Amino acid sequence: MGKYILKRVGLALVTLFLIIFILFVLVRIMPGNPFPSERMSAEQIANKRAEMGLDDPILVQFGRYFINLLQGDFGKGTSLYYGAPINTVLSTCIYNSFRIGGIAILEGTAIGLLLGITAALNKGKFLDSFCTVFSILGVCVPGYVFLIFLQYFFAYKIPFFPYFFDPNRFLFSSVLPSLSLSLFTMSTVARFTRNEMVEVMDSDYVRLAESKGMTGGLLVRKHVLRNALIPIVTVLAPLIVDLLTGALVVEKIYGINGIGKLMVDAIAGEGVDYNYVLALGILYSALYIGIMLVVDVLYGVLDPRIRIATVRGANREER
């Protein structure tokens, strides 16, 4: 197991380094001006570029940026927040997005598993049809449309929840955006859980366990659900990253000062703040690779055959 994890960690680090390099080069060669040109003269822009080292060769710029990145320094913005350190701004945005995204992940996964298990255990019945229709609607309806619907009824018609996000009332403020964000995850998890459990319940080893007298919850927990979790974990991984990094439209509509809103502001502001775009791209990539690394390890835990096959394949390559 240790060798399996080390190999996955090594691949993840190499992949992340290549992504950082590609992102840096793409951001640097993008057309446009990273400074608010309407408020700065050409001489001021030239001085600012020289001060930030933007006129140096691109490999020199990357080396300097990567060394600072290893120390946890993303640099400073060029147009947003008056050039404040990116780390300071990111810490606040990450905190808001991760709190609401974390609630959405828990809600979506828990309710989705419950709906999927219920549908699979009642195959062909009313509950199965209900869960299937709900899953289809949840995938088709965008999260921001659901948020507007929730705002209209539970913030305007019935003013129980705040219409916009209030960090001082986090508990109430997070209910509507977290529900809207969790809708797609909830529906996707429910659909995959139902399909995988139905397939597993029709397998030979489950029939063998039933013939030996194993039924009910024990059969579901020991044989059905565990084997159905592998594809569910796979589809859940990118959804977790999307929720943690915030939904662009949902955060903008609800006024959440999160990562998604920050990305919109960095791109659509007075001047495109390339440093924020680069920092957020690296953050998103690191989260995605980290989540997929956890998924690879979970594969080995849920199904030992995967890590054994991986280790044996590595041994053959070494020979």
Protein backbone atom coordinates (compact mmCIF):
# COMPACT_ATOMS: atom_id res chain seq x y z
CA MET A 1 0.00 0.00 0.00
CA GLY A 2 2.87 2.38 0.81
CA LYS A 3 4.48 1.90 -2.59
CA TYR A 4 1.13 2.45 -4.29
CA ILE A 5 0.60 5.76 -2.43
CA LEU A 6 4.15 6.99 -3.09
CA LYS A 7 3.78 6.38 -6.81
CA ARG A 8 0.49 8.28 -6.90
CA VAL A 9 1.95 11.20 -4.91
CA GLY A 10 4.95 11.41 -7.27
CA LEU A 11 2.71 11.48 -10.34
CA ALA A 12 0.51 14.14 -8.72
CA LEU A 13 3.47 16.42 -7.96
CA VAL A 14 4.89 16.12 -11.49
CA THR A 15 1.45 16.81 -12.98
CA LEU A 16 0.96 19.86 -10.77
CA PHE A 17 4.37 21.28 -11.72
CA LEU A 18 3.61 20.92 -15.45
CA ILE A 19 0.21 22.56 -15.00
CA ILE A 20 1.74 25.49 -13.11
CA PHE A 21 4.31 26.00 -15.86
CA ILE A 22 1.70 25.84 -18.64
CA LEU A 23 -0.66 28.18 -16.79
CA PHE A 24 2.15 30.67 -16.16
CA VAL A 25 3.21 30.73 -19.81
CA LEU A 26 -0.37 31.04 -21.07
CA VAL A 27 -1.13 33.91 -18.70
CA ARG A 28 2.05 35.75 -19.63
CA ILE A 29 1.48 35.49 -23.39
CA MET A 30 -2.18 36.54 -23.20
CA PRO A 31 -2.93 39.79 -25.01
CA GLY A 32 -4.10 42.81 -23.07
CA ASN A 33 -2.90 45.01 -20.27
CA PRO A 34 -2.86 43.76 -16.65
CA PHE A 35 -3.09 47.31 -15.32
CA PRO A 36 -6.06 49.72 -15.30
CA SER A 37 -4.85 51.62 -18.36
CA GLU A 38 -7.56 54.30 -18.11
CA ARG A 39 -6.14 55.51 -14.80
CA MET A 40 -2.44 55.08 -15.61
CA SER A 41 -0.24 56.74 -18.19
CA ALA A 42 2.00 54.77 -20.53
CA GLU A 43 5.04 55.79 -18.49
CA GLN A 44 3.44 54.61 -15.25
CA ILE A 45 2.54 51.27 -16.83
CA ALA A 46 6.11 50.85 -18.12
CA ASN A 47 7.52 51.60 -14.66
CA LYS A 48 5.08 49.17 -13.07
CA ARG A 49 6.02 46.41 -15.52
CA ALA A 50 9.70 46.96 -14.79
CA GLU A 51 9.03 46.96 -11.05
CA MET A 52 7.18 43.62 -11.26
CA GLY A 53 9.78 42.09 -13.59
CA LEU A 54 7.30 41.56 -16.43
CA ASP A 55 9.91 42.58 -19.03
CA ASP A 56 12.32 39.78 -18.03
CA PRO A 57 12.57 36.56 -20.10
CA ILE A 58 9.63 34.27 -19.39
CA LEU A 59 11.76 31.47 -17.91
CA VAL A 60 13.34 33.95 -15.49
CA GLN A 61 9.87 35.15 -14.51
CA PHE A 62 8.68 31.57 -13.99
CA GLY A 63 11.70 30.64 -11.86
CA ARG A 64 11.14 33.65 -9.62
CA TYR A 65 7.40 32.98 -9.39
CA PHE A 66 7.86 29.27 -8.63
CA ILE A 67 10.37 29.95 -5.84
CA ASN A 68 7.94 32.41 -4.26
CA LEU A 69 5.11 29.90 -4.75
CA LEU A 70 7.03 27.23 -2.83
CA GLN A 71 7.12 29.71 0.06
CA GLY A 72 3.36 30.18 -0.17
CA ASP A 73 3.54 33.62 -1.82
CA PHE A 74 1.22 34.26 -4.78
CA GLY A 75 2.44 37.82 -5.22
CA LYS A 76 0.27 40.91 -5.52
CA GLY A 77 -2.62 41.88 -7.75
CA THR A 78 -2.27 44.44 -10.50
CA SER A 79 -5.77 45.95 -10.50
CA LEU A 80 -7.90 44.31 -7.81
CA TYR A 81 -7.93 45.41 -4.17
CA TYR A 82 -5.38 48.17 -4.82
CA GLY A 83 -2.48 45.75 -5.23
CA ALA A 84 -3.01 43.98 -1.90
CA PRO A 85 -1.20 40.64 -1.38
CA ILE A 86 -3.11 37.85 -3.09
CA ASN A 87 -2.67 35.57 -0.07
CA THR A 88 -4.65 37.96 2.13
CA VAL A 89 -7.54 38.21 -0.31
CA LEU A 90 -7.54 34.48 -1.06
CA SER A 91 -7.70 33.53 2.61
CA THR A 92 -11.03 35.32 3.05
CA CYS A 93 -12.49 34.04 -0.24
CA ILE A 94 -11.37 30.46 0.39
CA TYR A 95 -12.87 30.55 3.87
CA ASN A 96 -16.29 31.60 2.55
CA SER A 97 -16.31 29.24 -0.44
CA PHE A 98 -15.05 26.23 1.51
CA ARG A 99 -17.58 26.66 4.29
CA ILE A 100 -20.56 26.88 1.95
CA GLY A 101 -19.08 24.32 -0.46
CA GLY A 102 -18.41 21.90 2.40
CA ILE A 103 -22.04 22.12 3.54
CA ALA A 104 -23.19 21.58 -0.06
CA ILE A 105 -20.96 18.49 -0.39
CA LEU A 106 -22.34 16.95 2.80
CA GLU A 107 -25.94 17.73 1.82
CA GLY A 108 -25.57 16.53 -1.76
CA THR A 109 -23.72 13.33 -0.90
CA ALA A 110 -25.90 12.31 2.05
CA ILE A 111 -29.25 13.00 0.37
CA GLY A 112 -28.03 11.61 -2.97
CA LEU A 113 -26.90 8.33 -1.37
CA LEU A 114 -30.18 8.06 0.50
CA LEU A 115 -32.23 8.65 -2.66
CA GLY A 116 -30.10 6.27 -4.72
CA ILE A 117 -30.25 3.47 -2.16
CA THR A 118 -34.01 3.95 -1.76
CA ALA A 119 -34.54 3.81 -5.52
CA ALA A 120 -32.36 0.69 -5.94
CA LEU A 121 -34.09 -1.18 -3.12
CA ASN A 122 -37.49 -0.30 -4.62
CA LYS A 123 -36.67 -0.99 -8.26
CA GLY A 124 -39.70 -0.61 -10.53
CA LYS A 125 -41.85 0.91 -7.79
CA PHE A 126 -43.13 4.43 -7.12
CA LEU A 127 -40.11 5.45 -5.03
CA ASP A 128 -37.79 4.39 -7.84
CA SER A 129 -39.71 6.51 -10.36
CA PHE A 130 -39.80 9.49 -7.98
CA CYS A 131 -36.04 9.40 -7.34
CA THR A 132 -35.35 8.99 -11.06
CA VAL A 133 -37.49 12.01 -11.99
CA PHE A 134 -35.84 14.06 -9.24
CA SER A 135 -32.38 13.11 -10.50
CA ILE A 136 -33.25 14.14 -14.05
CA LEU A 137 -34.65 17.49 -12.92
CA GLY A 138 -31.65 18.13 -10.67
CA VAL A 139 -29.21 17.57 -13.54
CA CYS A 140 -31.21 19.66 -16.02
CA VAL A 141 -32.02 22.67 -13.81
CA PRO A 142 -28.99 24.97 -13.29
CA GLY A 143 -28.06 25.75 -9.70
CA TYR A 144 -28.52 29.50 -10.11
CA VAL A 145 -32.11 28.99 -11.37
CA PHE A 146 -32.86 26.94 -8.28
CA LEU A 147 -31.25 29.66 -6.15
CA ILE A 148 -33.49 32.35 -7.66
CA PHE A 149 -36.50 30.12 -7.00
CA LEU A 150 -35.44 29.66 -3.36
CA GLN A 151 -34.75 33.39 -2.96
CA TYR A 152 -38.20 34.29 -4.28
CA PHE A 153 -40.11 31.99 -1.94
CA PHE A 154 -37.94 31.82 1.19
CA ALA A 155 -36.35 35.28 1.19
CA TYR A 156 -38.98 37.45 -0.52
CA LYS A 157 -42.42 35.83 -0.08
CA ILE A 158 -41.53 34.21 3.24
CA PRO A 159 -38.69 36.39 4.59
CA PHE A 160 -37.10 33.70 6.72
CA PHE A 161 -33.65 33.63 5.10
CA PRO A 162 -31.62 36.71 4.06
CA TYR A 163 -31.85 37.70 0.40
CA PHE A 164 -28.06 38.15 0.16
CA PHE A 165 -25.18 36.54 1.98
CA ASP A 166 -24.41 38.01 5.39
CA PRO A 167 -21.18 36.70 7.00
CA ASN A 168 -22.50 37.78 10.41
CA ARG A 169 -25.45 35.41 9.96
CA PHE A 170 -23.59 32.56 8.36
CA LEU A 171 -25.93 29.78 9.50
CA PHE A 172 -29.01 31.30 7.85
CA SER A 173 -27.12 32.86 4.95
CA SER A 174 -25.59 29.54 3.87
CA VAL A 175 -28.85 27.58 3.62
CA LEU A 176 -30.08 28.84 0.24
CA PRO A 177 -26.73 28.88 -1.65
CA SER A 178 -25.65 25.50 -0.25
CA LEU A 179 -28.95 23.91 -1.27
CA SER A 180 -28.70 25.35 -4.78
CA LEU A 181 -25.08 24.22 -5.10
CA SER A 182 -25.84 20.72 -3.80
CA LEU A 183 -28.71 20.08 -6.24
CA PHE A 184 -26.52 18.82 -9.11
CA THR A 185 -24.33 16.75 -6.77
CA MET A 186 -27.41 15.31 -5.07
CA SER A 187 -28.98 14.28 -8.37
CA THR A 188 -25.75 12.87 -9.83
CA VAL A 189 -24.92 10.81 -6.73
CA ALA A 190 -28.51 9.51 -6.55
CA ARG A 191 -28.49 8.45 -10.21
CA PHE A 192 -25.10 6.72 -10.05
CA THR A 193 -25.88 5.06 -6.71
CA ARG A 194 -29.15 3.68 -8.02
CA ASN A 195 -27.66 2.35 -11.27
CA GLU A 196 -24.57 0.83 -9.64
CA MET A 197 -26.52 -0.81 -6.83
CA VAL A 198 -29.02 -2.33 -9.27
CA GLU A 199 -26.12 -3.73 -11.31
CA VAL A 200 -24.35 -5.10 -8.23
CA MET A 201 -27.54 -6.65 -6.83
CA ASP A 202 -27.91 -8.65 -10.06
CA SER A 203 -24.36 -10.02 -9.82
CA ASP A 204 -23.51 -13.65 -9.05
CA TYR A 205 -21.70 -13.04 -5.76
CA VAL A 206 -24.71 -11.19 -4.31
CA ARG A 207 -27.01 -14.05 -5.32
CA LEU A 208 -24.55 -16.45 -3.69
CA ALA A 209 -24.63 -14.40 -0.47
CA GLU A 210 -28.45 -14.43 -0.56
CA SER A 211 -28.49 -18.20 -1.03
CA LYS A 212 -26.39 -18.49 2.14
CA GLY A 213 -29.05 -16.63 4.08
CA MET A 214 -27.59 -13.08 4.09
CA THR A 215 -30.36 -10.55 3.52
CA GLY A 216 -31.42 -7.04 4.46
CA GLY A 217 -29.10 -4.31 5.67
CA LEU A 218 -26.13 -6.62 6.21
CA LEU A 219 -26.19 -7.72 2.57
CA VAL A 220 -26.45 -4.13 1.36
CA ARG A 221 -23.61 -2.87 3.57
CA LYS A 222 -21.20 -5.75 3.11
CA HIS A 223 -21.59 -6.63 -0.56
CA VAL A 224 -23.77 -4.19 -2.49
CA LEU A 225 -22.92 -0.69 -1.28
CA ARG A 226 -19.16 -1.19 -0.95
CA ASN A 227 -18.80 -2.46 -4.52
CA ALA A 228 -21.06 0.28 -5.83
CA LEU A 229 -19.04 3.03 -4.15
CA ILE A 230 -16.04 2.91 -6.52
CA PRO A 231 -17.73 4.56 -9.54
CA ILE A 232 -19.62 6.88 -7.16
CA VAL A 233 -16.34 8.10 -5.66
CA THR A 234 -15.03 8.69 -9.18
CA VAL A 235 -17.92 10.91 -10.25
CA LEU A 236 -18.00 12.70 -6.88
CA ALA A 237 -14.37 13.87 -7.02
CA PRO A 238 -14.69 16.64 -9.65
CA LEU A 239 -18.00 17.72 -8.14
CA ILE A 240 -16.26 18.28 -4.79
CA VAL A 241 -13.68 20.55 -6.44
CA ASP A 242 -16.43 22.54 -8.19
CA LEU A 243 -18.29 23.06 -4.93
CA LEU A 244 -15.19 23.95 -2.91
CA THR A 245 -14.00 26.49 -5.45
CA GLY A 246 -17.45 28.05 -5.66
CA ALA A 247 -19.98 28.41 -8.42
CA LEU A 248 -19.38 31.60 -10.39
CA VAL A 249 -23.02 32.56 -10.96
CA VAL A 250 -24.34 31.46 -7.56
CA GLU A 251 -21.71 33.43 -5.65
CA LYS A 252 -22.30 36.48 -7.84
CA ILE A 253 -26.11 36.37 -7.44
CA TYR A 254 -26.04 35.78 -3.69
CA GLY A 255 -23.23 38.27 -3.07
CA ILE A 256 -20.80 35.76 -1.56
CA ASN A 257 -17.23 37.01 -1.40
CA GLY A 258 -15.81 33.68 -2.52
CA ILE A 259 -13.42 32.18 -5.05
CA GLY A 260 -15.98 32.09 -7.85
CA LYS A 261 -16.86 35.76 -7.47
CA LEU A 262 -13.15 36.62 -7.25
CA MET A 263 -12.48 34.88 -10.56
CA VAL A 264 -15.29 36.85 -12.24
CA ASP A 265 -13.95 40.11 -10.81
CA ALA A 266 -10.38 39.28 -11.92
CA ILE A 267 -11.49 38.66 -15.51
CA ALA A 268 -14.30 41.20 -15.93
CA GLY A 269 -12.81 44.07 -13.93
CA GLU A 270 -11.37 47.34 -15.19
CA GLY A 271 -8.16 45.54 -16.09
CA VAL A 272 -7.76 41.78 -16.27
CA ASP A 273 -5.76 40.88 -13.16
CA TYR A 274 -3.56 38.10 -14.55
CA ASN A 275 -1.96 37.39 -11.18
CA TYR A 276 -5.33 36.51 -9.64
CA VAL A 277 -6.28 34.44 -12.68
CA LEU A 278 -3.01 32.54 -12.38
CA ALA A 279 -3.32 32.07 -8.60
CA LEU A 280 -6.89 30.81 -8.86
CA GLY A 281 -5.96 28.49 -11.74
CA ILE A 282 -3.17 26.97 -9.66
CA LEU A 283 -5.45 26.67 -6.63
CA TYR A 284 -8.15 24.94 -8.67
CA SER A 285 -5.61 22.56 -10.26
CA ALA A 286 -4.02 21.72 -6.90
CA LEU A 287 -7.43 20.97 -5.40
CA TYR A 288 -8.43 18.80 -8.34
CA ILE A 289 -5.17 16.83 -8.29
CA GLY A 290 -5.35 16.50 -4.49
CA ILE A 291 -8.92 15.20 -4.62
CA MET A 292 -8.06 12.74 -7.40
CA LEU A 293 -5.07 11.56 -5.33
CA VAL A 294 -7.41 10.86 -2.42
CA VAL A 295 -9.71 9.01 -4.85
CA ASP A 296 -6.81 6.83 -6.04
CA VAL A 297 -5.99 5.94 -2.44
CA LEU A 298 -9.66 5.22 -1.73
CA TYR A 299 -9.68 2.88 -4.72
CA GLY A 300 -6.97 0.85 -3.03
CA VAL A 301 -8.93 0.81 0.23
CA LEU A 302 -12.30 -0.07 -1.30
CA ASP A 303 -10.88 -2.65 -3.72
CA PRO A 304 -7.44 -4.11 -2.80
CA ARG A 305 -7.22 -5.69 -6.27
CA ILE A 306 -6.59 -2.22 -7.75
CA ARG A 307 -3.48 -1.44 -5.70
CA ILE A 308 -2.18 -5.01 -6.10
CA ALA A 309 -2.52 -4.78 -9.89
CA THR A 310 -0.84 -1.36 -9.87
CA VAL A 311 2.10 -2.53 -7.80
CA ARG A 312 2.56 -5.66 -9.92
CA GLY A 313 2.50 -3.55 -13.07
CA ALA A 314 5.18 -1.27 -11.61
CA ASN A 315 7.33 -4.27 -10.71
CA ARG A 316 7.11 -5.59 -14.29
CA GLU A 317 8.20 -2.21 -15.64
CA GLU A 318 11.20 -2.15 -13.30
CA ARG A 319 12.26 -5.58 -14.52
